[in-house]
PDB file of N, CA and C in Angstrom:
ATOM      1  N   MET A   1       0.811  -1.169  -0.040  1.00  0.00           N
ATOM      2  CA  MET A   1       0.009   0.010   0.055  1.00  0.00           C
ATOM      3  C   MET A   1       0.904   1.244  -0.096  1.00  0.00           C
ATOM      4  N   ASN A   2       0.445   2.206  -0.662  1.00  0.00           N
ATOM      5  CA  ASN A   2       1.135   3.401  -0.740  1.00  0.00           C
ATOM      6  C   ASN A   2       1.560   3.991   0.752  1.00  0.00           C
ATOM      7  N   GLU A   3       2.818   4.325   0.919  1.00  0.00           N
ATOM      8  CA  GLU A   3       3.234   4.670   2.289  1.00  0.00           C
ATOM      9  C   GLU A   3       2.441   5.828   2.820  1.00  0.00           C
ATOM     10  N   LEU A   4       2.028   6.733   1.891  1.00  0.00           N
ATOM     11  CA  LEU A   4       1.364   7.932   2.315  1.00  0.00           C
ATOM     12  C   LEU A   4      -0.018   7.601   2.869  1.00  0.00           C
ATOM     13  N   ALA A   5      -0.526   6.450   2.424  1.00  0.00           N
ATOM     14  CA  ALA A   5      -1.811   5.946   2.930  1.00  0.00           C
ATOM     15  C   ALA A   5      -1.747   5.613   4.449  1.00  0.00           C
ATOM     16  N   GLU A   6      -0.573   5.375   4.938  1.00  0.00           N
ATOM     17  CA  GLU A   6      -0.245   5.017   6.329  1.00  0.00           C
ATOM     18  C   GLU A   6      -0.642   6.234   7.271  1.00  0.00           C
ATOM     19  N   ARG A   7      -0.678   7.495   6.591  1.00  0.00           N
ATOM     20  CA  ARG A   7      -0.894   8.700   7.373  1.00  0.00           C
ATOM     21  C   ARG A   7      -2.183   9.250   7.066  1.00  0.00           C
ATOM     22  N   ILE A   8      -3.326   8.481   6.863  1.00  0.00           N
ATOM     23  CA  ILE A   8      -4.542   8.942   6.689  1.00  0.00           C
ATOM     24  C   ILE A   8      -5.034   9.414   8.104  1.00  0.00           C
ATOM     25  N   SER A   9      -5.522  10.671   8.246  1.00  0.00           N
ATOM     26  CA  SER A   9      -6.063  10.973   9.565  1.00  0.00           C
ATOM     27  C   SER A   9      -7.399  10.567   9.802  1.00  0.00           C
ATOM     28  N   ASP A  10      -7.849  10.634  10.970  1.00  0.00           N
ATOM     29  CA  ASP A  10      -9.282  10.280  11.242  1.00  0.00           C
ATOM     30  C   ASP A  10     -10.206  11.063  10.436  1.00  0.00           C
ATOM     31  N   SER A  11      -9.948  12.331  10.169  1.00  0.00           N
ATOM     32  CA  SER A  11     -10.898  13.204   9.491  1.00  0.00           C
ATOM     33  C   SER A  11     -10.863  12.790   8.057  1.00  0.00           C
ATOM     34  N   GLU A  12      -9.600  12.506   7.587  1.00  0.00           N
ATOM     35  CA  GLU A  12      -9.437  12.115   6.132  1.00  0.00           C
ATOM     36  C   GLU A  12     -10.151  10.710   5.878  1.00  0.00           C
ATOM     37  N   LEU A  13     -10.148   9.850   7.048  1.00  0.00           N
ATOM     38  CA  LEU A  13     -10.867   8.616   6.882  1.00  0.00           C
ATOM     39  C   LEU A  13     -12.312   8.821   6.651  1.00  0.00           C
ATOM     40  N   GLU A  14     -12.924   9.849   7.248  1.00  0.00           N
ATOM     41  CA  GLU A  14     -14.293  10.060   7.017  1.00  0.00           C
ATOM     42  C   GLU A  14     -14.682  10.265   5.552  1.00  0.00           C
ATOM     43  N   VAL A  15     -13.763  11.061   4.881  1.00  0.00           N
ATOM     44  CA  VAL A  15     -13.877  11.305   3.393  1.00  0.00           C
ATOM     45  C   VAL A  15     -13.848   9.893   2.627  1.00  0.00           C
ATOM     46  N   MET A  16     -12.887   9.148   3.037  1.00  0.00           N
ATOM     47  CA  MET A  16     -12.629   7.807   2.432  1.00  0.00           C
ATOM     48  C   MET A  16     -13.855   6.911   2.588  1.00  0.00           C
ATOM     49  N   LYS A  17     -14.315   6.931   3.821  1.00  0.00           N
ATOM     50  CA  LYS A  17     -15.539   6.098   4.130  1.00  0.00           C
ATOM     51  C   LYS A  17     -16.702   6.478   3.084  1.00  0.00           C
ATOM     52  N   LEU A  18     -16.846   7.699   3.044  1.00  0.00           N
ATOM     53  CA  LEU A  18     -17.930   8.248   2.091  1.00  0.00           C
ATOM     54  C   LEU A  18     -17.818   7.869   0.676  1.00  0.00           C
ATOM     55  N   LEU A  19     -16.470   7.808   0.254  1.00  0.00           N
ATOM     56  CA  LEU A  19     -16.130   7.457  -1.182  1.00  0.00           C
ATOM     57  C   LEU A  19     -16.379   5.856  -1.266  1.00  0.00           C
ATOM     58  N   TRP A  20     -16.012   5.202  -0.305  1.00  0.00           N
ATOM     59  CA  TRP A  20     -16.098   3.675  -0.358  1.00  0.00           C
ATOM     60  C   TRP A  20     -17.649   3.224  -0.341  1.00  0.00           C
ATOM     61  N   ARG A  21     -18.490   4.006   0.354  1.00  0.00           N
ATOM     62  CA  ARG A  21     -19.917   3.654   0.338  1.00  0.00           C
ATOM     63  C   ARG A  21     -20.498   3.980  -1.052  1.00  0.00           C
ATOM     64  N   ALA A  22     -19.895   4.901  -1.789  1.00  0.00           N
ATOM     65  CA  ALA A  22     -20.517   5.439  -3.026  1.00  0.00           C
ATOM     66  C   ALA A  22     -20.388   4.270  -4.100  1.00  0.00           C
ATOM     67  N   GLU A  23     -21.325   4.145  -4.913  1.00  0.00           N
ATOM     68  CA  GLU A  23     -21.226   3.191  -6.009  1.00  0.00           C
ATOM     69  C   GLU A  23     -20.533   3.747  -7.235  1.00  0.00           C
ATOM     70  N   ASP A  24     -20.293   5.046  -7.175  1.00  0.00           N
ATOM     71  CA  ASP A  24     -19.706   5.762  -8.337  1.00  0.00           C
ATOM     72  C   ASP A  24     -18.797   6.944  -7.768  1.00  0.00           C
ATOM     73  N   ALA A  25     -18.075   7.416  -8.605  1.00  0.00           N
ATOM     74  CA  ALA A  25     -17.428   8.729  -8.081  1.00  0.00           C
ATOM     75  C   ALA A  25     -18.336   9.747  -7.674  1.00  0.00           C
ATOM     76  N   LEU A  26     -17.937  10.576  -6.606  1.00  0.00           N
ATOM     77  CA  LEU A  26     -18.848  11.646  -6.067  1.00  0.00           C
ATOM     78  C   LEU A  26     -18.378  12.967  -6.427  1.00  0.00           C
ATOM     79  N   SER A  27     -19.198  13.790  -6.638  1.00  0.00           N
ATOM     80  CA  SER A  27     -18.846  15.265  -7.053  1.00  0.00           C
ATOM     81  C   SER A  27     -18.422  15.975  -5.851  1.00  0.00           C
ATOM     82  N   SER A  28     -17.722  17.099  -5.894  1.00  0.00           N
ATOM     83  CA  SER A  28     -17.204  17.772  -4.769  1.00  0.00           C
ATOM     84  C   SER A  28     -18.464  18.341  -3.910  1.00  0.00           C
ATOM     85  N   THR A  29     -19.518  18.640  -4.726  1.00  0.00           N
ATOM     86  CA  THR A  29     -20.654  19.054  -4.029  1.00  0.00           C
ATOM     87  C   THR A  29     -21.512  17.976  -3.232  1.00  0.00           C
ATOM     88  N   GLU A  30     -21.385  16.779  -3.694  1.00  0.00           N
ATOM     89  CA  GLU A  30     -22.006  15.660  -2.996  1.00  0.00           C
ATOM     90  C   GLU A  30     -21.267  15.338  -1.663  1.00  0.00           C
ATOM     91  N   ILE A  31     -19.957  15.377  -1.795  1.00  0.00           N
ATOM     92  CA  ILE A  31     -19.025  15.195  -0.647  1.00  0.00           C
ATOM     93  C   ILE A  31     -19.193  16.177   0.364  1.00  0.00           C
ATOM     94  N   ARG A  32     -19.300  17.508  -0.093  1.00  0.00           N
ATOM     95  CA  ARG A  32     -19.397  18.549   0.865  1.00  0.00           C
ATOM     96  C   ARG A  32     -20.677  18.575   1.592  1.00  0.00           C
ATOM     97  N   GLU A  33     -21.912  18.257   0.799  1.00  0.00           N
ATOM     98  CA  GLU A  33     -23.216  18.273   1.357  1.00  0.00           C
ATOM     99  C   GLU A  33     -23.258  17.123   2.364  1.00  0.00           C
ATOM    100  N   GLU A  34     -22.764  15.947   2.073  1.00  0.00           N
ATOM    101  CA  GLU A  34     -22.857  14.918   3.044  1.00  0.00           C
ATOM    102  C   GLU A  34     -22.066  15.112   4.287  1.00  0.00           C
ATOM    103  N   LEU A  35     -20.830  15.605   4.197  1.00  0.00           N
ATOM    104  CA  LEU A  35     -19.994  15.832   5.280  1.00  0.00           C
ATOM    105  C   LEU A  35     -20.308  17.055   6.098  1.00  0.00           C
ATOM    106  N   GLN A  36     -21.034  17.941   5.566  1.00  0.00           N
ATOM    107  CA  GLN A  36     -21.627  19.126   6.245  1.00  0.00           C
ATOM    108  C   GLN A  36     -22.680  18.547   7.151  1.00  0.00           C
ATOM    109  N   LYS A  37     -23.489  17.664   6.660  1.00  0.00           N
ATOM    110  CA  LYS A  37     -24.700  17.126   7.332  1.00  0.00           C
ATOM    111  C   LYS A  37     -24.287  16.182   8.451  1.00  0.00           C
ATOM    112  N   THR A  38     -23.320  15.323   8.123  1.00  0.00           N
ATOM    113  CA  THR A  38     -23.005  14.257   9.086  1.00  0.00           C
ATOM    114  C   THR A  38     -21.858  14.690  10.122  1.00  0.00           C
ATOM    115  N   MET A  39     -20.982  15.501   9.695  1.00  0.00           N
ATOM    116  CA  MET A  39     -19.832  15.813  10.546  1.00  0.00           C
ATOM    117  C   MET A  39     -19.940  17.321  10.980  1.00  0.00           C
ATOM    118  N   GLY A  40     -20.673  18.175  10.327  1.00  0.00           N
ATOM    119  CA  GLY A  40     -20.758  19.598  10.608  1.00  0.00           C
ATOM    120  C   GLY A  40     -19.587  20.401  10.157  1.00  0.00           C
ATOM    121  N   TRP A  41     -18.824  19.861   9.277  1.00  0.00           N
ATOM    122  CA  TRP A  41     -17.592  20.500   8.770  1.00  0.00           C
ATOM    123  C   TRP A  41     -17.937  21.609   7.714  1.00  0.00           C
ATOM    124  N   GLY A  42     -17.156  22.577   7.676  1.00  0.00           N
ATOM    125  CA  GLY A  42     -17.412  23.592   6.753  1.00  0.00           C
ATOM    126  C   GLY A  42     -16.772  23.265   5.391  1.00  0.00           C
ATOM    127  N   ALA A  43     -16.992  24.142   4.308  1.00  0.00           N
ATOM    128  CA  ALA A  43     -16.538  23.774   3.043  1.00  0.00           C
ATOM    129  C   ALA A  43     -15.063  23.899   2.858  1.00  0.00           C
ATOM    130  N   THR A  44     -14.483  24.701   3.631  1.00  0.00           N
ATOM    131  CA  THR A  44     -12.974  24.968   3.577  1.00  0.00           C
ATOM    132  C   THR A  44     -12.256  23.733   4.171  1.00  0.00           C
ATOM    133  N   THR A  45     -12.758  23.171   5.154  1.00  0.00           N
ATOM    134  CA  THR A  45     -12.212  21.922   5.848  1.00  0.00           C
ATOM    135  C   THR A  45     -12.351  20.782   4.912  1.00  0.00           C
ATOM    136  N   ILE A  46     -13.439  20.694   4.285  1.00  0.00           N
ATOM    137  CA  ILE A  46     -13.617  19.546   3.384  1.00  0.00           C
ATOM    138  C   ILE A  46     -12.740  19.602   2.100  1.00  0.00           C
ATOM    139  N   LYS A  47     -12.646  20.817   1.621  1.00  0.00           N
ATOM    140  CA  LYS A  47     -11.571  21.108   0.400  1.00  0.00           C
ATOM    141  C   LYS A  47     -10.186  20.691   0.833  1.00  0.00           C
ATOM    142  N   THR A  48      -9.831  21.077   2.105  1.00  0.00           N
ATOM    143  CA  THR A  48      -8.499  20.700   2.653  1.00  0.00           C
ATOM    144  C   THR A  48      -8.315  19.206   2.798  1.00  0.00           C
ATOM    145  N   LEU A  49      -9.377  18.543   3.226  1.00  0.00           N
ATOM    146  CA  LEU A  49      -9.207  17.039   3.404  1.00  0.00           C
ATOM    147  C   LEU A  49      -9.043  16.426   2.122  1.00  0.00           C
ATOM    148  N   ILE A  50      -9.903  16.769   1.071  1.00  0.00           N
ATOM    149  CA  ILE A  50      -9.789  16.254  -0.248  1.00  0.00           C
ATOM    150  C   ILE A  50      -8.433  16.590  -0.843  1.00  0.00           C
ATOM    151  N   SER A  51      -7.881  17.750  -0.672  1.00  0.00           N
ATOM    152  CA  SER A  51      -6.545  18.086  -1.167  1.00  0.00           C
ATOM    153  C   SER A  51      -5.485  17.242  -0.617  1.00  0.00           C
ATOM    154  N   ARG A  52      -5.615  16.897   0.636  1.00  0.00           N
ATOM    155  CA  ARG A  52      -4.596  16.158   1.353  1.00  0.00           C
ATOM    156  C   ARG A  52      -4.635  14.601   0.845  1.00  0.00           C
ATOM    157  N   LEU A  53      -5.914  14.160   0.695  1.00  0.00           N
ATOM    158  CA  LEU A  53      -5.990  12.857   0.076  1.00  0.00           C
ATOM    159  C   LEU A  53      -5.531  12.648  -1.247  1.00  0.00           C
ATOM    160  N   LEU A  54      -5.633  13.708  -2.097  1.00  0.00           N
ATOM    161  CA  LEU A  54      -5.228  13.796  -3.445  1.00  0.00           C
ATOM    162  C   LEU A  54      -3.600  13.636  -3.357  1.00  0.00           C
ATOM    163  N   GLY A  55      -3.042  14.521  -2.418  1.00  0.00           N
ATOM    164  CA  GLY A  55      -1.582  14.469  -2.231  1.00  0.00           C
ATOM    165  C   GLY A  55      -0.960  13.205  -1.844  1.00  0.00           C
ATOM    166  N   LYS A  56      -1.837  12.431  -1.127  1.00  0.00           N
ATOM    167  CA  LYS A  56      -1.356  11.165  -0.528  1.00  0.00           C
ATOM    168  C   LYS A  56      -1.677  10.056  -1.648  1.00  0.00           C
ATOM    169  N   GLU A  57      -2.305  10.424  -2.720  1.00  0.00           N
ATOM    170  CA  GLU A  57      -2.515   9.435  -3.888  1.00  0.00           C
ATOM    171  C   GLU A  57      -3.380   8.315  -3.454  1.00  0.00           C
ATOM    172  N   VAL A  58      -4.412   8.577  -2.567  1.00  0.00           N
ATOM    173  CA  VAL A  58      -5.315   7.556  -2.146  1.00  0.00           C
ATOM    174  C   VAL A  58      -6.674   7.876  -2.767  1.00  0.00           C
ATOM    175  N   ILE A  59      -6.912   8.933  -3.414  1.00  0.00           N
ATOM    176  CA  ILE A  59      -8.065   9.233  -4.193  1.00  0.00           C
ATOM    177  C   ILE A  59      -7.650   9.900  -5.488  1.00  0.00           C
ATOM    178  N   ALA A  60      -8.602   9.895  -6.492  1.00  0.00           N
ATOM    179  CA  ALA A  60      -8.384  10.367  -7.739  1.00  0.00           C
ATOM    180  C   ALA A  60      -9.448  11.455  -8.037  1.00  0.00           C
ATOM    181  N   GLN A  61      -9.036  12.298  -8.955  1.00  0.00           N
ATOM    182  CA  GLN A  61      -9.905  13.518  -9.237  1.00  0.00           C
ATOM    183  C   GLN A  61     -10.166  13.418 -10.718  1.00  0.00           C
ATOM    184  N   GLU A  62     -11.453  13.601 -11.341  1.00  0.00           N
ATOM    185  CA  GLU A  62     -11.781  13.657 -12.492  1.00  0.00           C
ATOM    186  C   GLU A  62     -12.509  14.942 -12.913  1.00  0.00           C
ATOM    187  N   LYS A  63     -12.185  15.609 -13.862  1.00  0.00           N
ATOM    188  CA  LYS A  63     -12.799  16.888 -14.240  1.00  0.00           C
ATOM    189  C   LYS A  63     -13.901  16.572 -15.373  1.00  0.00           C
ATOM    190  N   ARG A  64     -15.205  16.712 -14.880  1.00  0.00           N
ATOM    191  CA  ARG A  64     -16.252  16.611 -15.722  1.00  0.00           C
ATOM    192  C   ARG A  64     -16.858  18.124 -15.983  1.00  0.00           C
ATOM    193  N   GLN A  65     -18.132  18.376 -15.606  1.00  0.00           N
ATOM    194  CA  GLN A  65     -18.555  19.728 -15.495  1.00  0.00           C
ATOM    195  C   GLN A  65     -17.968  20.254 -14.143  1.00  0.00           C
ATOM    196  N   VAL A  66     -17.856  19.529 -13.203  1.00  0.00           N
ATOM    197  CA  VAL A  66     -17.256  19.754 -11.854  1.00  0.00           C
ATOM    198  C   VAL A  66     -16.299  18.617 -11.692  1.00  0.00           C
ATOM    199  N   PHE A  67     -15.519  18.734 -10.465  1.00  0.00           N
ATOM    200  CA  PHE A  67     -14.672  17.550 -10.116  1.00  0.00           C
ATOM    201  C   PHE A  67     -15.425  16.522  -9.464  1.00  0.00           C
ATOM    202  N   TYR A  68     -14.983  15.306  -9.673  1.00  0.00           N
ATOM    203  CA  TYR A  68     -15.482  14.095  -9.225  1.00  0.00           C
ATOM    204  C   TYR A  68     -14.357  13.303  -8.640  1.00  0.00           C
ATOM    205  N   TYR A  69     -14.618  12.610  -7.448  1.00  0.00           N
ATOM    206  CA  TYR A  69     -13.584  11.916  -6.772  1.00  0.00           C
ATOM    207  C   TYR A  69     -13.947  10.395  -6.497  1.00  0.00           C
ATOM    208  N   ARG A  70     -12.917   9.636  -6.448  1.00  0.00           N
ATOM    209  CA  ARG A  70     -13.107   8.180  -6.236  1.00  0.00           C
ATOM    210  C   ARG A  70     -11.836   7.784  -5.463  1.00  0.00           C
ATOM    211  N   ALA A  71     -12.078   6.722  -4.648  1.00  0.00           N
ATOM    212  CA  ALA A  71     -10.973   6.184  -3.898  1.00  0.00           C
ATOM    213  C   ALA A  71     -10.080   5.262  -4.841  1.00  0.00           C
ATOM    214  N   LEU A  72      -8.795   5.335  -4.512  1.00  0.00           N
ATOM    215  CA  LEU A  72      -7.742   4.505  -5.243  1.00  0.00           C
ATOM    216  C   LEU A  72      -7.471   3.239  -4.506  1.00  0.00           C
ATOM    217  N   ILE A  73      -7.681   3.261  -3.294  1.00  0.00           N
ATOM    218  CA  ILE A  73      -7.488   2.027  -2.373  1.00  0.00           C
ATOM    219  C   ILE A  73      -8.867   1.612  -1.908  1.00  0.00           C
ATOM    220  N   SER A  74      -8.980   0.295  -1.721  1.00  0.00           N
ATOM    221  CA  SER A  74     -10.388  -0.266  -1.262  1.00  0.00           C
ATOM    222  C   SER A  74     -10.319  -0.095   0.287  1.00  0.00           C
ATOM    223  N   GLU A  75     -11.570  -0.247   0.778  1.00  0.00           N
ATOM    224  CA  GLU A  75     -11.841  -0.205   2.174  1.00  0.00           C
ATOM    225  C   GLU A  75     -11.078  -1.477   2.759  1.00  0.00           C
ATOM    226  N   LYS A  76     -11.300  -2.666   2.152  1.00  0.00           N
ATOM    227  CA  LYS A  76     -10.613  -3.915   2.585  1.00  0.00           C
ATOM    228  C   LYS A  76      -9.186  -3.804   2.585  1.00  0.00           C
ATOM    229  N   GLU A  77      -8.565  -3.176   1.604  1.00  0.00           N
ATOM    230  CA  GLU A  77      -7.086  -3.080   1.628  1.00  0.00           C
ATOM    231  C   GLU A  77      -6.735  -2.051   2.807  1.00  0.00           C
ATOM    232  N   TYR A  78      -7.376  -0.960   2.932  1.00  0.00           N
ATOM    233  CA  TYR A  78      -7.046  -0.116   4.065  1.00  0.00           C
ATOM    234  C   TYR A  78      -7.208  -0.843   5.435  1.00  0.00           C
ATOM    235  N   ASN A  79      -8.362  -1.519   5.697  1.00  0.00           N
ATOM    236  CA  ASN A  79      -8.619  -2.188   6.872  1.00  0.00           C
ATOM    237  C   ASN A  79      -7.532  -3.307   7.145  1.00  0.00           C
ATOM    238  N   ASN A  80      -7.191  -3.978   6.138  1.00  0.00           N
ATOM    239  CA  ASN A  80      -6.141  -5.021   6.288  1.00  0.00           C
ATOM    240  C   ASN A  80      -4.799  -4.404   6.781  1.00  0.00           C
ATOM    241  N   TRP A  81      -4.473  -3.327   6.045  1.00  0.00           N
ATOM    242  CA  TRP A  81      -3.271  -2.659   6.489  1.00  0.00           C
ATOM    243  C   TRP A  81      -3.499  -2.032   7.898  1.00  0.00           C
ATOM    244  N   ALA A  82      -4.462  -1.436   8.324  1.00  0.00           N
ATOM    245  CA  ALA A  82      -4.615  -0.853   9.574  1.00  0.00           C
ATOM    246  C   ALA A  82      -4.590  -1.884  10.639  1.00  0.00           C
ATOM    247  N   THR A  83      -5.220  -3.144  10.358  1.00  0.00           N
ATOM    248  CA  THR A  83      -5.158  -4.131  11.388  1.00  0.00           C
ATOM    249  C   THR A  83      -3.849  -4.663  11.534  1.00  0.00           C
ATOM    250  N   GLY A  84      -3.080  -4.867  10.470  1.00  0.00           N
ATOM    251  CA  GLY A  84      -1.662  -5.295  10.512  1.00  0.00           C
ATOM    252  C   GLY A  84      -0.882  -4.428  11.315  1.00  0.00           C
ATOM    253  N   ARG A  85      -0.969  -3.123  11.161  1.00  0.00           N
ATOM    254  CA  ARG A  85      -0.298  -2.075  11.804  1.00  0.00           C
ATOM    255  C   ARG A  85      -0.675  -2.122  13.322  1.00  0.00           C
ATOM    256  N   LEU A  86      -1.898  -2.190  13.640  1.00  0.00           N
ATOM    257  CA  LEU A  86      -2.260  -2.320  14.987  1.00  0.00           C
ATOM    258  C   LEU A  86      -1.722  -3.526  15.718  1.00  0.00           C
ATOM    259  N   ILE A  87      -1.660  -4.645  15.147  1.00  0.00           N
ATOM    260  CA  ILE A  87      -1.186  -5.914  15.564  1.00  0.00           C
ATOM    261  C   ILE A  87       0.338  -5.801  15.875  1.00  0.00           C
ATOM    262  N   ASN A  88       1.095  -5.083  14.879  1.00  0.00           N
ATOM    263  CA  ASN A  88       2.487  -5.008  15.053  1.00  0.00           C
ATOM    264  C   ASN A  88       2.776  -3.887  16.106  1.00  0.00           C
ATOM    265  N   ARG A  89       2.084  -2.823  16.123  1.00  0.00           N
ATOM    266  CA  ARG A  89       2.388  -1.845  17.249  1.00  0.00           C
ATOM    267  C   ARG A  89       2.070  -2.261  18.647  1.00  0.00           C
ATOM    268  N   LEU A  90       0.829  -2.821  18.786  1.00  0.00           N
ATOM    269  CA  LEU A  90       0.467  -3.225  20.090  1.00  0.00           C
ATOM    270  C   LEU A  90       0.638  -4.618  20.631  1.00  0.00           C
ATOM    271  N   TYR A  91       0.830  -5.489  19.678  1.00  0.00           N
ATOM    272  CA  TYR A  91       0.884  -6.903  20.096  1.00  0.00           C
ATOM    273  C   TYR A  91       2.032  -7.658  19.570  1.00  0.00           C
ATOM    274  N   ARG A  92       3.062  -6.973  19.305  1.00  0.00           N
ATOM    275  CA  ARG A  92       4.347  -7.390  18.712  1.00  0.00           C
ATOM    276  C   ARG A  92       4.195  -8.380  17.545  1.00  0.00           C
ATOM    277  N   GLY A  93       3.244  -8.029  16.646  1.00  0.00           N
ATOM    278  CA  GLY A  93       3.106  -8.768  15.544  1.00  0.00           C
ATOM    279  C   GLY A  93       2.250 -10.117  15.760  1.00  0.00           C
ATOM    280  N   SER A  94       1.669 -10.248  16.903  1.00  0.00           N
ATOM    281  CA  SER A  94       0.955 -11.508  17.216  1.00  0.00           C
ATOM    282  C   SER A  94      -0.614 -11.225  17.193  1.00  0.00           C
ATOM    283  N   ALA A  95      -1.296 -11.816  16.234  1.00  0.00           N
ATOM    284  CA  ALA A  95      -2.786 -11.781  16.095  1.00  0.00           C
ATOM    285  C   ALA A  95      -3.359 -12.498  17.400  1.00  0.00           C
ATOM    286  N   LYS A  96      -2.649 -13.639  17.808  1.00  0.00           N
ATOM    287  CA  LYS A  96      -3.140 -14.344  18.976  1.00  0.00           C
ATOM    288  C   LYS A  96      -3.166 -13.475  20.145  1.00  0.00           C
ATOM    289  N   ASN A  97      -2.131 -12.586  20.346  1.00  0.00           N
ATOM    290  CA  ASN A  97      -2.119 -11.712  21.579  1.00  0.00           C
ATOM    291  C   ASN A  97      -3.250 -10.686  21.432  1.00  0.00           C
ATOM    292  N   LEU A  98      -3.609 -10.280  20.241  1.00  0.00           N
ATOM    293  CA  LEU A  98      -4.699  -9.395  20.010  1.00  0.00           C
ATOM    294  C   LEU A  98      -6.065 -10.038  20.499  1.00  0.00           C
ATOM    295  N   VAL A  99      -6.283 -11.245  19.975  1.00  0.00           N
ATOM    296  CA  VAL A  99      -7.499 -11.977  20.366  1.00  0.00           C
ATOM    297  C   VAL A  99      -7.607 -12.242  21.903  1.00  0.00           C
ATOM    298  N   ALA A 100      -6.398 -12.567  22.431  1.00  0.00           N
ATOM    299  CA  ALA A 100      -6.290 -12.823  23.963  1.00  0.00           C
ATOM    300  C   ALA A 100      -6.720 -11.526  24.640  1.00  0.00           C
ATOM    301  N   ALA A 101      -6.259 -10.381  24.216  1.00  0.00           N
ATOM    302  CA  ALA A 101      -6.566  -9.139  24.869  1.00  0.00           C
ATOM    303  C   ALA A 101      -8.050  -8.791  24.710  1.00  0.00           C
ATOM    304  N   LEU A 102      -8.656  -9.141  23.584  1.00  0.00           N
ATOM    305  CA  LEU A 102     -10.109  -9.010  23.419  1.00  0.00           C
ATOM    306  C   LEU A 102     -10.946  -9.957  24.351  1.00  0.00           C
ATOM    307  N   VAL A 103     -10.418 -11.127  24.612  1.00  0.00           N
ATOM    308  CA  VAL A 103     -11.115 -12.049  25.426  1.00  0.00           C
ATOM    309  C   VAL A 103     -10.909 -11.531  26.862  1.00  0.00           C
ATOM    310  N   ASP A 104      -9.706 -11.171  27.327  1.00  0.00           N
ATOM    311  CA  ASP A 104      -9.412 -10.699  28.687  1.00  0.00           C
ATOM    312  C   ASP A 104     -10.274  -9.465  29.073  1.00  0.00           C
ATOM    313  N   SER A 105     -10.497  -8.580  28.068  1.00  0.00           N
ATOM    314  CA  SER A 105     -11.235  -7.349  28.324  1.00  0.00           C
ATOM    315  C   SER A 105     -12.631  -7.500  28.117  1.00  0.00           C
ATOM    316  N   GLU A 106     -13.088  -8.723  27.986  1.00  0.00           N
ATOM    317  CA  GLU A 106     -14.476  -9.002  27.624  1.00  0.00           C
ATOM    318  C   GLU A 106     -15.015  -8.301  26.434  1.00  0.00           C
ATOM    319  N   GLY A 107     -14.199  -8.056  25.417  1.00  0.00           N
ATOM    320  CA  GLY A 107     -14.642  -7.494  24.192  1.00  0.00           C
ATOM    321  C   GLY A 107     -15.112  -8.487  23.330  1.00  0.00           C
ATOM    322  N   LEU A 108     -15.100  -9.676  23.614  1.00  0.00           N
ATOM    323  CA  LEU A 108     -15.720 -10.810  22.785  1.00  0.00           C
ATOM    324  C   LEU A 108     -16.927 -11.412  23.605  1.00  0.00           C
ATOM    325  N   SER A 109     -18.094 -11.633  23.055  1.00  0.00           N
ATOM    326  CA  SER A 109     -19.134 -12.304  23.755  1.00  0.00           C
ATOM    327  C   SER A 109     -18.918 -13.873  23.631  1.00  0.00           C
ATOM    328  N   ALA A 110     -19.652 -14.588  24.270  1.00  0.00           N
ATOM    329  CA  ALA A 110     -19.503 -16.007  24.099  1.00  0.00           C
ATOM    330  C   ALA A 110     -19.851 -16.419  22.645  1.00  0.00           C
ATOM    331  N   GLU A 111     -20.895 -15.791  22.210  1.00  0.00           N
ATOM    332  CA  GLU A 111     -21.330 -16.054  20.758  1.00  0.00           C
ATOM    333  C   GLU A 111     -20.152 -15.702  19.829  1.00  0.00           C
ATOM    334  N   ASP A 112     -19.421 -14.553  20.005  1.00  0.00           N
ATOM    335  CA  ASP A 112     -18.452 -14.154  19.207  1.00  0.00           C
ATOM    336  C   ASP A 112     -17.392 -15.347  19.273  1.00  0.00           C
ATOM    337  N   ILE A 113     -17.015 -15.767  20.436  1.00  0.00           N
ATOM    338  CA  ILE A 113     -15.941 -16.747  20.607  1.00  0.00           C
ATOM    339  C   ILE A 113     -16.280 -18.118  19.865  1.00  0.00           C
ATOM    340  N   GLU A 114     -17.583 -18.460  19.932  1.00  0.00           N
ATOM    341  CA  GLU A 114     -18.085 -19.706  19.168  1.00  0.00           C
ATOM    342  C   GLU A 114     -17.910 -19.514  17.727  1.00  0.00           C
ATOM    343  N   GLU A 115     -18.274 -18.260  17.194  1.00  0.00           N
ATOM    344  CA  GLU A 115     -18.158 -17.919  15.793  1.00  0.00           C
ATOM    345  C   GLU A 115     -16.721 -18.090  15.318  1.00  0.00           C
ATOM    346  N   LEU A 116     -15.811 -17.491  16.169  1.00  0.00           N
ATOM    347  CA  LEU A 116     -14.371 -17.737  15.862  1.00  0.00           C
ATOM    348  C   LEU A 116     -13.913 -19.058  15.905  1.00  0.00           C
ATOM    349  N   ARG A 117     -14.317 -19.869  16.801  1.00  0.00           N
ATOM    350  CA  ARG A 117     -13.970 -21.288  16.834  1.00  0.00           C
ATOM    351  C   ARG A 117     -14.365 -21.927  15.549  1.00  0.00           C
ATOM    352  N   ALA A 118     -15.639 -21.682  15.125  1.00  0.00           N
ATOM    353  CA  ALA A 118     -16.163 -22.353  13.903  1.00  0.00           C
ATOM    354  C   ALA A 118     -15.339 -21.956  12.641  1.00  0.00           C
ATOM    355  N   MET A 119     -14.769 -20.696  12.700  1.00  0.00           N
ATOM    356  CA  MET A 119     -13.986 -20.225  11.566  1.00  0.00           C
ATOM    357  C   MET A 119     -12.629 -20.893  11.550  1.00  0.00           C
ATOM    358  N   PHE A 120     -12.158 -21.188  12.729  1.00  0.00           N
ATOM    359  CA  PHE A 120     -10.755 -21.749  12.794  1.00  0.00           C
ATOM    360  C   PHE A 120     -10.741 -23.270  12.734  1.00  0.00           C
ATOM    361  N   LYS A 121     -11.916 -23.934  12.772  1.00  0.00           N
ATOM    362  CA  LYS A 121     -12.030 -25.431  12.777  1.00  0.00           C
ATOM    363  C   LYS A 121     -11.382 -25.826  11.392  1.00  0.00           C
ATOM    364  N   VAL A 122     -10.574 -26.809  11.541  1.00  0.00           N
ATOM    365  CA  VAL A 122      -9.972 -27.416  10.196  1.00  0.00           C
ATOM    366  C   VAL A 122     -10.511 -28.745  10.154  1.00  0.00           C
ATOM    367  N   GLU A 123     -11.079 -29.001   8.987  1.00  0.00           N
ATOM    368  CA  GLU A 123     -11.637 -30.284   8.647  1.00  0.00           C
ATOM    369  C   GLU A 123     -10.480 -31.251   8.299  1.00  0.00           C
ATOM    370  N   GLY A 124     -10.391 -32.320   8.789  1.00  0.00           N
ATOM    371  CA  GLY A 124      -9.355 -33.209   8.581  1.00  0.00           C
ATOM    372  C   GLY A 124      -9.812 -34.525   8.223  1.00  0.00           C
TER     373      GLY A 124
END
């Protein structure tokens, strides 16, 4: 993944989530209207976030009658990268330690644990 994608801020991530949910490229107006409604951000803030994401090469811009934007990385790619980074930073690269921490902190219900057991069962 693009190294600059590593530095997507929480605010920039809100723009990315909006683009990921869209079935097609969104106009600057569509992005602005949605983020003003959901986040309460002003037009200048939204333009700045879009500009930063363009600079990080994680979104693309297309000029039609107005500018349209689309994500260049998928949500799955980003989530996989972010999960790997979390595991490396907090759990010394051990996914097992992450799961143990979730169990210890009661972050997983009994139902969650059963679902995980079923996922890990190997048919032999």
